[in-house]
Full PDB file with SEQRES, HELIX, SHEET, SSBOND, CRYST1, ORIGX, SCALE, CONECT and MASTER records, all heavy atoms in Angstrom:
SEQRES   1 A   41  MET ASP ARG ILE ASN ARG GLU ARG GLU GLU SER GLU ALA          
SEQRES   2 A   41  MET VAL ALA GLU ALA ALA ARG MET MET LEU GLU ILE ASN          
SEQRES   3 A   41  ARG ARG HIS LEU GLU GLU PHE ILE ILE THR HIS PRO ASP          
SEQRES   4 A   41  SER SER                                                      
HELIX    1 AA1 ASP A    2  THR A   36  1                                  35    
CRYST1    1.000    1.000    1.000  90.00  90.00  90.00 P 1           1          
ORIGX1      1.000000  0.000000  0.000000        0.00000                         
ORIGX2      0.000000  1.000000  0.000000        0.00000                         
ORIGX3      0.000000  0.000000  1.000000        0.00000                         
SCALE1      1.000000  0.000000  0.000000        0.00000                         
SCALE2      0.000000  1.000000  0.000000        0.00000                         
SCALE3      0.000000  0.000000  1.000000        0.00000                         
ATOM      1  N   MET A   1      -9.243  15.937 -23.877  1.00  0.00           N  
ATOM      2  CA  MET A   1      -9.612  14.659 -23.252  1.00  0.00           C  
ATOM      3  C   MET A   1      -8.466  13.619 -23.074  1.00  0.00           C  
ATOM      4  O   MET A   1      -8.457  12.944 -22.054  1.00  0.00           O  
ATOM      5  CB  MET A   1     -10.771  13.905 -24.107  1.00  0.00           C  
ATOM      6  CG  MET A   1     -12.084  14.736 -24.106  1.00  0.00           C  
ATOM      7  SD  MET A   1     -12.696  15.156 -22.496  1.00  0.00           S  
ATOM      8  CE  MET A   1     -13.018  13.416 -21.862  1.00  0.00           C  
ATOM      9  N   ASP A   2      -7.572  13.634 -24.023  1.00  0.00           N  
ATOM     10  CA  ASP A   2      -6.421  12.763 -23.842  1.00  0.00           C  
ATOM     11  C   ASP A   2      -5.565  13.169 -22.704  1.00  0.00           C  
ATOM     12  O   ASP A   2      -5.066  12.344 -21.896  1.00  0.00           O  
ATOM     13  CB  ASP A   2      -5.494  12.805 -25.101  1.00  0.00           C  
ATOM     14  CG  ASP A   2      -6.137  12.045 -26.283  1.00  0.00           C  
ATOM     15  OD1 ASP A   2      -7.044  11.267 -26.091  1.00  0.00           O  
ATOM     16  OD2 ASP A   2      -5.667  12.252 -27.452  1.00  0.00           O  
ATOM     17  N   ARG A   3      -5.395  14.506 -22.525  1.00  0.00           N  
ATOM     18  CA  ARG A   3      -4.656  14.998 -21.353  1.00  0.00           C  
ATOM     19  C   ARG A   3      -5.326  14.665 -20.063  1.00  0.00           C  
ATOM     20  O   ARG A   3      -4.693  14.241 -19.125  1.00  0.00           O  
ATOM     21  CB  ARG A   3      -4.468  16.486 -21.468  1.00  0.00           C  
ATOM     22  CG  ARG A   3      -3.675  17.134 -20.295  1.00  0.00           C  
ATOM     23  CD  ARG A   3      -3.500  18.608 -20.531  1.00  0.00           C  
ATOM     24  NE  ARG A   3      -4.667  19.362 -20.823  1.00  0.00           N  
ATOM     25  CZ  ARG A   3      -5.622  19.720 -19.863  1.00  0.00           C  
ATOM     26  NH1 ARG A   3      -5.473  19.436 -18.673  1.00  0.00           N  
ATOM     27  NH2 ARG A   3      -6.686  20.416 -20.288  1.00  0.00           N  
ATOM     28  N   ILE A   4      -6.679  14.841 -20.006  1.00  0.00           N  
ATOM     29  CA  ILE A   4      -7.428  14.528 -18.834  1.00  0.00           C  
ATOM     30  C   ILE A   4      -7.333  12.969 -18.490  1.00  0.00           C  
ATOM     31  O   ILE A   4      -7.100  12.617 -17.331  1.00  0.00           O  
ATOM     32  CB  ILE A   4      -8.908  14.893 -19.009  1.00  0.00           C  
ATOM     33  CG1 ILE A   4      -9.044  16.466 -18.915  1.00  0.00           C  
ATOM     34  CG2 ILE A   4      -9.789  14.319 -17.876  1.00  0.00           C  
ATOM     35  CD1 ILE A   4     -10.356  17.041 -19.348  1.00  0.00           C  
ATOM     36  N   ASN A   5      -7.467  12.183 -19.517  1.00  0.00           N  
ATOM     37  CA  ASN A   5      -7.324  10.740 -19.291  1.00  0.00           C  
ATOM     38  C   ASN A   5      -5.944  10.303 -18.834  1.00  0.00           C  
ATOM     39  O   ASN A   5      -5.858   9.526 -17.928  1.00  0.00           O  
ATOM     40  CB  ASN A   5      -7.689  10.019 -20.589  1.00  0.00           C  
ATOM     41  CG  ASN A   5      -9.191   9.989 -20.878  1.00  0.00           C  
ATOM     42  OD1 ASN A   5     -10.043  10.219 -19.992  1.00  0.00           O  
ATOM     43  ND2 ASN A   5      -9.544   9.871 -22.163  1.00  0.00           N  
ATOM     44  N   ARG A   6      -4.905  10.940 -19.394  1.00  0.00           N  
ATOM     45  CA  ARG A   6      -3.525  10.682 -19.006  1.00  0.00           C  
ATOM     46  C   ARG A   6      -3.341  11.071 -17.529  1.00  0.00           C  
ATOM     47  O   ARG A   6      -2.752  10.297 -16.780  1.00  0.00           O  
ATOM     48  CB  ARG A   6      -2.584  11.399 -19.929  1.00  0.00           C  
ATOM     49  CG  ARG A   6      -1.391  10.737 -20.258  1.00  0.00           C  
ATOM     50  CD  ARG A   6      -0.412  11.415 -21.280  1.00  0.00           C  
ATOM     51  NE  ARG A   6      -0.593  12.845 -21.393  1.00  0.00           N  
ATOM     52  CZ  ARG A   6      -1.224  13.381 -22.471  1.00  0.00           C  
ATOM     53  NH1 ARG A   6      -1.740  12.715 -23.415  1.00  0.00           N  
ATOM     54  NH2 ARG A   6      -1.338  14.749 -22.511  1.00  0.00           N  
ATOM     55  N   GLU A   7      -3.835  12.243 -17.174  1.00  0.00           N  
ATOM     56  CA  GLU A   7      -3.670  12.714 -15.776  1.00  0.00           C  
ATOM     57  C   GLU A   7      -4.420  11.806 -14.764  1.00  0.00           C  
ATOM     58  O   GLU A   7      -3.956  11.438 -13.712  1.00  0.00           O  
ATOM     59  CB  GLU A   7      -4.185  14.116 -15.595  1.00  0.00           C  
ATOM     60  CG  GLU A   7      -3.329  15.140 -16.269  1.00  0.00           C  
ATOM     61  CD  GLU A   7      -3.922  16.550 -16.289  1.00  0.00           C  
ATOM     62  OE1 GLU A   7      -5.055  16.682 -15.814  1.00  0.00           O  
ATOM     63  OE2 GLU A   7      -3.249  17.468 -16.775  1.00  0.00           O  
ATOM     64  N   ARG A   8      -5.678  11.324 -15.214  1.00  0.00           N  
ATOM     65  CA  ARG A   8      -6.454  10.347 -14.360  1.00  0.00           C  
ATOM     66  C   ARG A   8      -5.695   9.081 -14.198  1.00  0.00           C  
ATOM     67  O   ARG A   8      -5.588   8.531 -13.089  1.00  0.00           O  
ATOM     68  CB  ARG A   8      -7.818  10.193 -14.940  1.00  0.00           C  
ATOM     69  CG  ARG A   8      -8.695   9.316 -13.965  1.00  0.00           C  
ATOM     70  CD  ARG A   8     -10.057   8.997 -14.564  1.00  0.00           C  
ATOM     71  NE  ARG A   8      -9.905   8.219 -15.747  1.00  0.00           N  
ATOM     72  CZ  ARG A   8     -10.548   8.393 -16.901  1.00  0.00           C  
ATOM     73  NH1 ARG A   8     -11.307   9.405 -17.081  1.00  0.00           N  
ATOM     74  NH2 ARG A   8     -10.336   7.576 -17.917  1.00  0.00           N  
ATOM     75  N   GLU A   9      -5.075   8.529 -15.318  1.00  0.00           N  
ATOM     76  CA  GLU A   9      -4.320   7.278 -15.232  1.00  0.00           C  
ATOM     77  C   GLU A   9      -3.128   7.459 -14.292  1.00  0.00           C  
ATOM     78  O   GLU A   9      -2.853   6.568 -13.559  1.00  0.00           O  
ATOM     79  CB  GLU A   9      -3.978   6.895 -16.637  1.00  0.00           C  
ATOM     80  CG  GLU A   9      -5.094   6.348 -17.435  1.00  0.00           C  
ATOM     81  CD  GLU A   9      -4.705   6.155 -18.953  1.00  0.00           C  
ATOM     82  OE1 GLU A   9      -3.555   6.470 -19.302  1.00  0.00           O  
ATOM     83  OE2 GLU A   9      -5.621   5.757 -19.689  1.00  0.00           O  
ATOM     84  N   GLU A  10      -2.458   8.536 -14.433  1.00  0.00           N  
ATOM     85  CA  GLU A  10      -1.311   8.811 -13.560  1.00  0.00           C  
ATOM     86  C   GLU A  10      -1.717   8.930 -12.083  1.00  0.00           C  
ATOM     87  O   GLU A  10      -0.989   8.339 -11.240  1.00  0.00           O  
ATOM     88  CB  GLU A  10      -0.599  10.104 -14.008  1.00  0.00           C  
ATOM     89  CG  GLU A  10       0.119  10.037 -15.335  1.00  0.00           C  
ATOM     90  CD  GLU A  10       0.673  11.391 -15.802  1.00  0.00           C  
ATOM     91  OE1 GLU A  10       0.416  12.363 -15.150  1.00  0.00           O  
ATOM     92  OE2 GLU A  10       1.256  11.429 -16.978  1.00  0.00           O  
ATOM     93  N   SER A  11      -2.794   9.579 -11.824  1.00  0.00           N  
ATOM     94  CA  SER A  11      -3.221   9.752 -10.373  1.00  0.00           C  
ATOM     95  C   SER A  11      -3.689   8.351  -9.885  1.00  0.00           C  
ATOM     96  O   SER A  11      -3.417   7.989  -8.790  1.00  0.00           O  
ATOM     97  CB  SER A  11      -4.256  10.804 -10.260  1.00  0.00           C  
ATOM     98  OG  SER A  11      -5.457  10.473 -10.948  1.00  0.00           O  
ATOM     99  N   GLU A  12      -4.418   7.552 -10.684  1.00  0.00           N  
ATOM    100  CA  GLU A  12      -4.795   6.211 -10.257  1.00  0.00           C  
ATOM    101  C   GLU A  12      -3.565   5.326 -10.067  1.00  0.00           C  
ATOM    102  O   GLU A  12      -3.630   4.537  -9.046  1.00  0.00           O  
ATOM    103  CB  GLU A  12      -5.739   5.624 -11.341  1.00  0.00           C  
ATOM    104  CG  GLU A  12      -7.093   6.230 -11.382  1.00  0.00           C  
ATOM    105  CD  GLU A  12      -7.954   5.715 -12.510  1.00  0.00           C  
ATOM    106  OE1 GLU A  12      -7.464   4.950 -13.345  1.00  0.00           O  
ATOM    107  OE2 GLU A  12      -9.124   6.104 -12.563  1.00  0.00           O  
ATOM    108  N   ALA A  13      -2.563   5.467 -10.815  1.00  0.00           N  
ATOM    109  CA  ALA A  13      -1.354   4.667 -10.717  1.00  0.00           C  
ATOM    110  C   ALA A  13      -0.602   5.131  -9.434  1.00  0.00           C  
ATOM    111  O   ALA A  13      -0.138   4.281  -8.658  1.00  0.00           O  
ATOM    112  CB  ALA A  13      -0.411   4.858 -11.870  1.00  0.00           C  
ATOM    113  N   MET A  14      -0.672   6.401  -9.114  1.00  0.00           N  
ATOM    114  CA  MET A  14      -0.029   6.932  -7.795  1.00  0.00           C  
ATOM    115  C   MET A  14      -0.860   6.385  -6.627  1.00  0.00           C  
ATOM    116  O   MET A  14      -0.228   5.941  -5.625  1.00  0.00           O  
ATOM    117  CB  MET A  14      -0.013   8.442  -7.775  1.00  0.00           C  
ATOM    118  CG  MET A  14       1.020   9.036  -8.696  1.00  0.00           C  
ATOM    119  SD  MET A  14       0.948  10.840  -8.875  1.00  0.00           S  
ATOM    120  CE  MET A  14       0.938  11.386  -7.139  1.00  0.00           C  
ATOM    121  N   VAL A  15      -2.149   6.356  -6.656  1.00  0.00           N  
ATOM    122  CA  VAL A  15      -2.988   5.788  -5.577  1.00  0.00           C  
ATOM    123  C   VAL A  15      -2.688   4.328  -5.404  1.00  0.00           C  
ATOM    124  O   VAL A  15      -2.547   3.843  -4.317  1.00  0.00           O  
ATOM    125  CB  VAL A  15      -4.427   6.099  -5.844  1.00  0.00           C  
ATOM    126  CG1 VAL A  15      -5.340   5.342  -4.847  1.00  0.00           C  
ATOM    127  CG2 VAL A  15      -4.746   7.591  -5.768  1.00  0.00           C  
ATOM    128  N   ALA A  16      -2.651   3.548  -6.559  1.00  0.00           N  
ATOM    129  CA  ALA A  16      -2.367   2.194  -6.439  1.00  0.00           C  
ATOM    130  C   ALA A  16      -0.958   1.918  -5.851  1.00  0.00           C  
ATOM    131  O   ALA A  16      -0.782   0.985  -5.030  1.00  0.00           O  
ATOM    132  CB  ALA A  16      -2.471   1.499  -7.836  1.00  0.00           C  
ATOM    133  N   GLU A  17       0.006   2.657  -6.196  1.00  0.00           N  
ATOM    134  CA  GLU A  17       1.335   2.548  -5.726  1.00  0.00           C  
ATOM    135  C   GLU A  17       1.401   2.835  -4.163  1.00  0.00           C  
ATOM    136  O   GLU A  17       2.046   2.106  -3.457  1.00  0.00           O  
ATOM    137  CB  GLU A  17       2.330   3.401  -6.490  1.00  0.00           C  
ATOM    138  CG  GLU A  17       3.733   3.319  -5.979  1.00  0.00           C  
ATOM    139  CD  GLU A  17       4.422   1.926  -6.070  1.00  0.00           C  
ATOM    140  OE1 GLU A  17       3.957   1.119  -6.864  1.00  0.00           O  
ATOM    141  OE2 GLU A  17       5.421   1.723  -5.402  1.00  0.00           O  
ATOM    142  N   ALA A  18       0.657   3.858  -3.806  1.00  0.00           N  
ATOM    143  CA  ALA A  18       0.680   4.239  -2.371  1.00  0.00           C  
ATOM    144  C   ALA A  18      -0.041   3.116  -1.590  1.00  0.00           C  
ATOM    145  O   ALA A  18       0.442   2.730  -0.496  1.00  0.00           O  
ATOM    146  CB  ALA A  18      -0.128   5.548  -2.205  1.00  0.00           C  
ATOM    147  N   ALA A  19      -1.080   2.509  -2.115  1.00  0.00           N  
ATOM    148  CA  ALA A  19      -1.827   1.422  -1.461  1.00  0.00           C  
ATOM    149  C   ALA A  19      -0.877   0.240  -1.353  1.00  0.00           C  
ATOM    150  O   ALA A  19      -0.863  -0.442  -0.301  1.00  0.00           O  
ATOM    151  CB  ALA A  19      -3.102   1.079  -2.207  1.00  0.00           C  
ATOM    152  N   ARG A  20      -0.159  -0.076  -2.472  1.00  0.00           N  
ATOM    153  CA  ARG A  20       0.754  -1.160  -2.420  1.00  0.00           C  
ATOM    154  C   ARG A  20       1.875  -1.012  -1.369  1.00  0.00           C  
ATOM    155  O   ARG A  20       2.188  -1.947  -0.608  1.00  0.00           O  
ATOM    156  CB  ARG A  20       1.440  -1.396  -3.807  1.00  0.00           C  
ATOM    157  CG  ARG A  20       2.251  -2.676  -3.865  1.00  0.00           C  
ATOM    158  CD  ARG A  20       3.186  -2.702  -5.028  1.00  0.00           C  
ATOM    159  NE  ARG A  20       4.165  -1.566  -5.035  1.00  0.00           N  
ATOM    160  CZ  ARG A  20       5.189  -1.534  -4.274  1.00  0.00           C  
ATOM    161  NH1 ARG A  20       5.486  -2.526  -3.432  1.00  0.00           N  
ATOM    162  NH2 ARG A  20       6.082  -0.452  -4.348  1.00  0.00           N  
ATOM    163  N   MET A  21       2.364   0.181  -1.310  1.00  0.00           N  
ATOM    164  CA  MET A  21       3.428   0.596  -0.298  1.00  0.00           C  
ATOM    165  C   MET A  21       2.889   0.401   1.098  1.00  0.00           C  
ATOM    166  O   MET A  21       3.523  -0.091   2.000  1.00  0.00           O  
ATOM    167  CB  MET A  21       4.000   1.933  -0.539  1.00  0.00           C  
ATOM    168  CG  MET A  21       4.891   2.030  -1.841  1.00  0.00           C  
ATOM    169  SD  MET A  21       5.389   3.713  -2.236  1.00  0.00           S  
ATOM    170  CE  MET A  21       6.308   4.165  -0.843  1.00  0.00           C  
ATOM    171  N   MET A  22       1.611   0.909   1.350  1.00  0.00           N  
ATOM    172  CA  MET A  22       1.055   0.839   2.660  1.00  0.00           C  
ATOM    173  C   MET A  22       0.836  -0.641   3.074  1.00  0.00           C  
ATOM    174  O   MET A  22       1.033  -1.010   4.219  1.00  0.00           O  
ATOM    175  CB  MET A  22      -0.263   1.585   2.632  1.00  0.00           C  
ATOM    176  CG  MET A  22      -0.855   1.914   3.991  1.00  0.00           C  
ATOM    177  SD  MET A  22       0.237   3.033   4.915  1.00  0.00           S  
ATOM    178  CE  MET A  22       0.258   2.303   6.450  1.00  0.00           C  
ATOM    179  N   LEU A  23       0.368  -1.399   2.092  1.00  0.00           N  
ATOM    180  CA  LEU A  23       0.215  -2.877   2.413  1.00  0.00           C  
ATOM    181  C   LEU A  23       1.479  -3.544   2.836  1.00  0.00           C  
ATOM    182  O   LEU A  23       1.565  -4.383   3.718  1.00  0.00           O  
ATOM    183  CB  LEU A  23      -0.449  -3.564   1.211  1.00  0.00           C  
ATOM    184  CG  LEU A  23      -0.914  -5.004   1.427  1.00  0.00           C  
ATOM    185  CD1 LEU A  23      -1.928  -5.046   2.514  1.00  0.00           C  
ATOM    186  CD2 LEU A  23      -1.479  -5.544   0.105  1.00  0.00           C  
ATOM    187  N   GLU A  24       2.527  -3.161   2.115  1.00  0.00           N  
ATOM    188  CA  GLU A  24       3.930  -3.708   2.396  1.00  0.00           C  
ATOM    189  C   GLU A  24       4.344  -3.267   3.858  1.00  0.00           C  
ATOM    190  O   GLU A  24       4.980  -4.044   4.560  1.00  0.00           O  
ATOM    191  CB  GLU A  24       4.900  -3.275   1.346  1.00  0.00           C  
ATOM    192  CG  GLU A  24       6.226  -4.031   1.457  1.00  0.00           C  
ATOM    193  CD  GLU A  24       6.156  -5.489   1.436  1.00  0.00           C  
ATOM    194  OE1 GLU A  24       5.270  -6.060   0.758  1.00  0.00           O  
ATOM    195  OE2 GLU A  24       6.913  -6.171   2.189  1.00  0.00           O  
ATOM    196  N   ILE A  25       4.091  -2.027   4.113  1.00  0.00           N  
ATOM    197  CA  ILE A  25       4.459  -1.575   5.509  1.00  0.00           C  
ATOM    198  C   ILE A  25       3.656  -2.284   6.576  1.00  0.00           C  
ATOM    199  O   ILE A  25       4.206  -2.725   7.567  1.00  0.00           O  
ATOM    200  CB  ILE A  25       4.209  -0.065   5.647  1.00  0.00           C  
ATOM    201  CG1 ILE A  25       5.123   0.765   4.781  1.00  0.00           C  
ATOM    202  CG2 ILE A  25       4.212   0.433   7.037  1.00  0.00           C  
ATOM    203  CD1 ILE A  25       4.872   2.178   4.587  1.00  0.00           C  
ATOM    204  N   ASN A  26       2.349  -2.544   6.278  1.00  0.00           N  
ATOM    205  CA  ASN A  26       1.553  -3.283   7.226  1.00  0.00           C  
ATOM    206  C   ASN A  26       2.002  -4.742   7.355  1.00  0.00           C  
ATOM    207  O   ASN A  26       2.043  -5.313   8.348  1.00  0.00           O  
ATOM    208  CB  ASN A  26       0.053  -3.207   6.799  1.00  0.00           C  
ATOM    209  CG  ASN A  26      -0.539  -1.859   6.982  1.00  0.00           C  
ATOM    210  OD1 ASN A  26      -0.011  -1.025   7.759  1.00  0.00           O  
ATOM    211  ND2 ASN A  26      -1.717  -1.658   6.346  1.00  0.00           N  
ATOM    212  N   ARG A  27       2.437  -5.341   6.228  1.00  0.00           N  
ATOM    213  CA  ARG A  27       2.878  -6.707   6.165  1.00  0.00           C  
ATOM    214  C   ARG A  27       4.171  -6.823   7.114  1.00  0.00           C  
ATOM    215  O   ARG A  27       4.258  -7.694   7.931  1.00  0.00           O  
ATOM    216  CB  ARG A  27       3.219  -7.137   4.808  1.00  0.00           C  
ATOM    217  CG  ARG A  27       3.751  -8.559   4.702  1.00  0.00           C  
ATOM    218  CD  ARG A  27       4.103  -8.914   3.215  1.00  0.00           C  
ATOM    219  NE  ARG A  27       2.960  -8.908   2.373  1.00  0.00           N  
ATOM    220  CZ  ARG A  27       2.039  -9.852   2.279  1.00  0.00           C  
ATOM    221  NH1 ARG A  27       2.182 -10.946   3.026  1.00  0.00           N  
ATOM    222  NH2 ARG A  27       1.041  -9.738   1.479  1.00  0.00           N  
ATOM    223  N   ARG A  28       5.111  -5.961   6.911  1.00  0.00           N  
ATOM    224  CA  ARG A  28       6.336  -5.945   7.678  1.00  0.00           C  
ATOM    225  C   ARG A  28       6.012  -5.747   9.182  1.00  0.00           C  
ATOM    226  O   ARG A  28       6.571  -6.383  10.044  1.00  0.00           O  
ATOM    227  CB  ARG A  28       7.302  -4.850   7.248  1.00  0.00           C  
ATOM    228  CG  ARG A  28       8.120  -5.304   6.087  1.00  0.00           C  
ATOM    229  CD  ARG A  28       9.276  -4.418   5.721  1.00  0.00           C  
ATOM    230  NE  ARG A  28       8.783  -3.662   4.586  1.00  0.00           N  
ATOM    231  CZ  ARG A  28       8.892  -2.329   4.446  1.00  0.00           C  
ATOM    232  NH1 ARG A  28       9.366  -1.626   5.387  1.00  0.00           N  
ATOM    233  NH2 ARG A  28       8.383  -1.729   3.342  1.00  0.00           N  
ATOM    234  N   HIS A  29       5.069  -4.831   9.501  1.00  0.00           N  
ATOM    235  CA  HIS A  29       4.697  -4.601  10.885  1.00  0.00           C  
ATOM    236  C   HIS A  29       4.033  -5.869  11.485  1.00  0.00           C  
ATOM    237  O   HIS A  29       4.433  -6.226  12.598  1.00  0.00           O  
ATOM    238  CB  HIS A  29       3.692  -3.395  11.002  1.00  0.00           C  
ATOM    239  CG  HIS A  29       3.338  -3.051  12.399  1.00  0.00           C  
ATOM    240  ND1 HIS A  29       2.365  -3.662  13.068  1.00  0.00           N  
ATOM    241  CD2 HIS A  29       3.876  -2.152  13.237  1.00  0.00           C  
ATOM    242  CE1 HIS A  29       2.305  -3.221  14.302  1.00  0.00           C  
ATOM    243  NE2 HIS A  29       3.184  -2.235  14.470  1.00  0.00           N  
ATOM    244  N   LEU A  30       3.201  -6.514  10.742  1.00  0.00           N  
ATOM    245  CA  LEU A  30       2.550  -7.678  11.201  1.00  0.00           C  
ATOM    246  C   LEU A  30       3.587  -8.839  11.426  1.00  0.00           C  
ATOM    247  O   LEU A  30       3.580  -9.534  12.451  1.00  0.00           O  
ATOM    248  CB  LEU A  30       1.464  -8.202  10.285  1.00  0.00           C  
ATOM    249  CG  LEU A  30       0.754  -9.458  10.632  1.00  0.00           C  
ATOM    250  CD1 LEU A  30       0.136  -9.389  12.127  1.00  0.00           C  
ATOM    251  CD2 LEU A  30      -0.335  -9.851   9.667  1.00  0.00           C  
ATOM    252  N   GLU A  31       4.520  -8.997  10.515  1.00  0.00           N  
ATOM    253  CA  GLU A  31       5.565 -10.057  10.608  1.00  0.00           C  
ATOM    254  C   GLU A  31       6.376  -9.829  11.920  1.00  0.00           C  
ATOM    255  O   GLU A  31       6.618 -10.730  12.707  1.00  0.00           O  
ATOM    256  CB  GLU A  31       6.424 -10.078   9.439  1.00  0.00           C  
ATOM    257  CG  GLU A  31       5.776 -10.683   8.236  1.00  0.00           C  
ATOM    258  CD  GLU A  31       6.534 -10.413   6.944  1.00  0.00           C  
ATOM    259  OE1 GLU A  31       7.534  -9.674   6.890  1.00  0.00           O  
ATOM    260  OE2 GLU A  31       6.205 -11.001   5.876  1.00  0.00           O  
ATOM    261  N   GLU A  32       6.786  -8.597  12.206  1.00  0.00           N  
ATOM    262  CA  GLU A  32       7.521  -8.202  13.423  1.00  0.00           C  
ATOM    263  C   GLU A  32       6.597  -8.396  14.643  1.00  0.00           C  
ATOM    264  O   GLU A  32       7.111  -8.920  15.664  1.00  0.00           O  
ATOM    265  CB  GLU A  32       8.010  -6.822  13.308  1.00  0.00           C  
ATOM    266  CG  GLU A  32       9.098  -6.589  12.335  1.00  0.00           C  
ATOM    267  CD  GLU A  32       9.438  -5.104  12.144  1.00  0.00           C  
ATOM    268  OE1 GLU A  32       9.051  -4.265  12.940  1.00  0.00           O  
ATOM    269  OE2 GLU A  32      10.192  -4.768  11.143  1.00  0.00           O  
ATOM    270  N   PHE A  33       5.348  -7.979  14.523  1.00  0.00           N  
ATOM    271  CA  PHE A  33       4.458  -8.099  15.675  1.00  0.00           C  
ATOM    272  C   PHE A  33       4.160  -9.590  16.035  1.00  0.00           C  
ATOM    273  O   PHE A  33       4.201  -9.945  17.248  1.00  0.00           O  
ATOM    274  CB  PHE A  33       3.056  -7.473  15.354  1.00  0.00           C  
ATOM    275  CG  PHE A  33       2.133  -7.342  16.454  1.00  0.00           C  
ATOM    276  CD1 PHE A  33       2.249  -6.413  17.417  1.00  0.00           C  
ATOM    277  CD2 PHE A  33       1.103  -8.294  16.590  1.00  0.00           C  
ATOM    278  CE1 PHE A  33       1.381  -6.339  18.549  1.00  0.00           C  
ATOM    279  CE2 PHE A  33       0.192  -8.253  17.628  1.00  0.00           C  
ATOM    280  CZ  PHE A  33       0.301  -7.265  18.604  1.00  0.00           C  
ATOM    281  N   ILE A  34       4.090 -10.477  15.103  1.00  0.00           N  
ATOM    282  CA  ILE A  34       3.881 -11.959  15.357  1.00  0.00           C  
ATOM    283  C   ILE A  34       5.090 -12.455  16.061  1.00  0.00           C  
ATOM    284  O   ILE A  34       4.963 -13.259  17.021  1.00  0.00           O  
ATOM    285  CB  ILE A  34       3.588 -12.665  14.072  1.00  0.00           C  
ATOM    286  CG1 ILE A  34       2.182 -12.341  13.516  1.00  0.00           C  
ATOM    287  CG2 ILE A  34       3.720 -14.153  14.276  1.00  0.00           C  
ATOM    288  CD1 ILE A  34       1.853 -12.866  12.153  1.00  0.00           C  
ATOM    289  N   ILE A  35       6.268 -12.051  15.672  1.00  0.00           N  
ATOM    290  CA  ILE A  35       7.483 -12.482  16.316  1.00  0.00           C  
ATOM    291  C   ILE A  35       7.562 -12.005  17.778  1.00  0.00           C  
ATOM    292  O   ILE A  35       7.939 -12.755  18.744  1.00  0.00           O  
ATOM    293  CB  ILE A  35       8.721 -12.156  15.472  1.00  0.00           C  
ATOM    294  CG1 ILE A  35       8.756 -12.815  14.183  1.00  0.00           C  
ATOM    295  CG2 ILE A  35      10.061 -12.346  16.275  1.00  0.00           C  
ATOM    296  CD1 ILE A  35       9.732 -12.303  13.189  1.00  0.00           C  
ATOM    297  N   THR A  36       7.317 -10.787  17.943  1.00  0.00           N  
ATOM    298  CA  THR A  36       7.483 -10.198  19.282  1.00  0.00           C  
ATOM    299  C   THR A  36       6.317 -10.454  20.210  1.00  0.00           C  
ATOM    300  O   THR A  36       6.450 -10.397  21.408  1.00  0.00           O  
ATOM    301  CB  THR A  36       7.690  -8.610  19.199  1.00  0.00           C  
ATOM    302  OG1 THR A  36       6.574  -8.058  18.538  1.00  0.00           O  
ATOM    303  CG2 THR A  36       8.939  -8.321  18.510  1.00  0.00           C  
ATOM    304  N   HIS A  37       5.070 -10.742  19.659  1.00  0.00           N  
ATOM    305  CA  HIS A  37       3.907 -11.027  20.482  1.00  0.00           C  
ATOM    306  C   HIS A  37       3.302 -12.319  19.959  1.00  0.00           C  
ATOM    307  O   HIS A  37       2.227 -12.296  19.321  1.00  0.00           O  
ATOM    308  CB  HIS A  37       2.900  -9.868  20.329  1.00  0.00           C  
ATOM    309  CG  HIS A  37       3.375  -8.601  20.775  1.00  0.00           C  
ATOM    310  ND1 HIS A  37       4.077  -7.687  19.884  1.00  0.00           N  
ATOM    311  CD2 HIS A  37       3.323  -7.908  21.941  1.00  0.00           C  
ATOM    312  CE1 HIS A  37       4.376  -6.591  20.526  1.00  0.00           C  
ATOM    313  NE2 HIS A  37       3.948  -6.711  21.786  1.00  0.00           N  
ATOM    314  N   PRO A  38       3.907 -13.441  20.365  1.00  0.00           N  
ATOM    315  CA  PRO A  38       3.430 -14.717  19.787  1.00  0.00           C  
ATOM    316  C   PRO A  38       1.962 -15.139  20.137  1.00  0.00           C  
ATOM    317  O   PRO A  38       1.401 -15.849  19.370  1.00  0.00           O  
ATOM    318  CB  PRO A  38       4.421 -15.728  20.261  1.00  0.00           C  
ATOM    319  CG  PRO A  38       5.199 -15.050  21.428  1.00  0.00           C  
ATOM    320  CD  PRO A  38       5.024 -13.595  21.219  1.00  0.00           C  
ATOM    321  N   ASP A  39       1.423 -14.706  21.245  1.00  0.00           N  
ATOM    322  CA  ASP A  39       0.140 -15.133  21.643  1.00  0.00           C  
ATOM    323  C   ASP A  39      -0.931 -13.981  21.498  1.00  0.00           C  
ATOM    324  O   ASP A  39      -2.019 -13.992  22.080  1.00  0.00           O  
ATOM    325  CB  ASP A  39       0.131 -15.532  23.147  1.00  0.00           C  
ATOM    326  CG  ASP A  39       1.020 -16.753  23.410  1.00  0.00           C  
ATOM    327  OD1 ASP A  39       1.069 -17.582  22.435  1.00  0.00           O  
ATOM    328  OD2 ASP A  39       1.621 -16.812  24.449  1.00  0.00           O  
ATOM    329  N   SER A  40      -0.628 -13.024  20.650  1.00  0.00           N  
ATOM    330  CA  SER A  40      -1.577 -11.867  20.567  1.00  0.00           C  
ATOM    331  C   SER A  40      -2.737 -12.187  19.531  1.00  0.00           C  
ATOM    332  O   SER A  40      -2.625 -13.107  18.841  1.00  0.00           O  
ATOM    333  CB  SER A  40      -0.718 -10.626  20.016  1.00  0.00           C  
ATOM    334  OG  SER A  40      -0.172 -10.922  18.768  1.00  0.00           O  
ATOM    335  N   SER A  41      -3.673 -11.288  19.601  1.00  0.00           N  
ATOM    336  CA  SER A  41      -4.861 -11.434  18.667  1.00  0.00           C  
ATOM    337  C   SER A  41      -4.844 -10.389  17.651  1.00  0.00           C  
ATOM    338  O   SER A  41      -4.063  -9.401  17.666  1.00  0.00           O  
ATOM    339  CB  SER A  41      -6.097 -11.296  19.576  1.00  0.00           C  
ATOM    340  OG  SER A  41      -6.169  -9.910  20.064  1.00  0.00           O  
TER     341      SER A  41                                                      
MASTER        0    0    0    1    0    0    0    6  340    1    0    4          
END                                                                             
């Protein structure tokens, strides 16, 4: 059970890290998009 819990925590940490990285990529894209398309929706 300790091994299963450790593996689950590791996979949840990997998912959280991937989500954080994706959010950062989207943030950079939006910042660039706002600069290049000032009147966009």
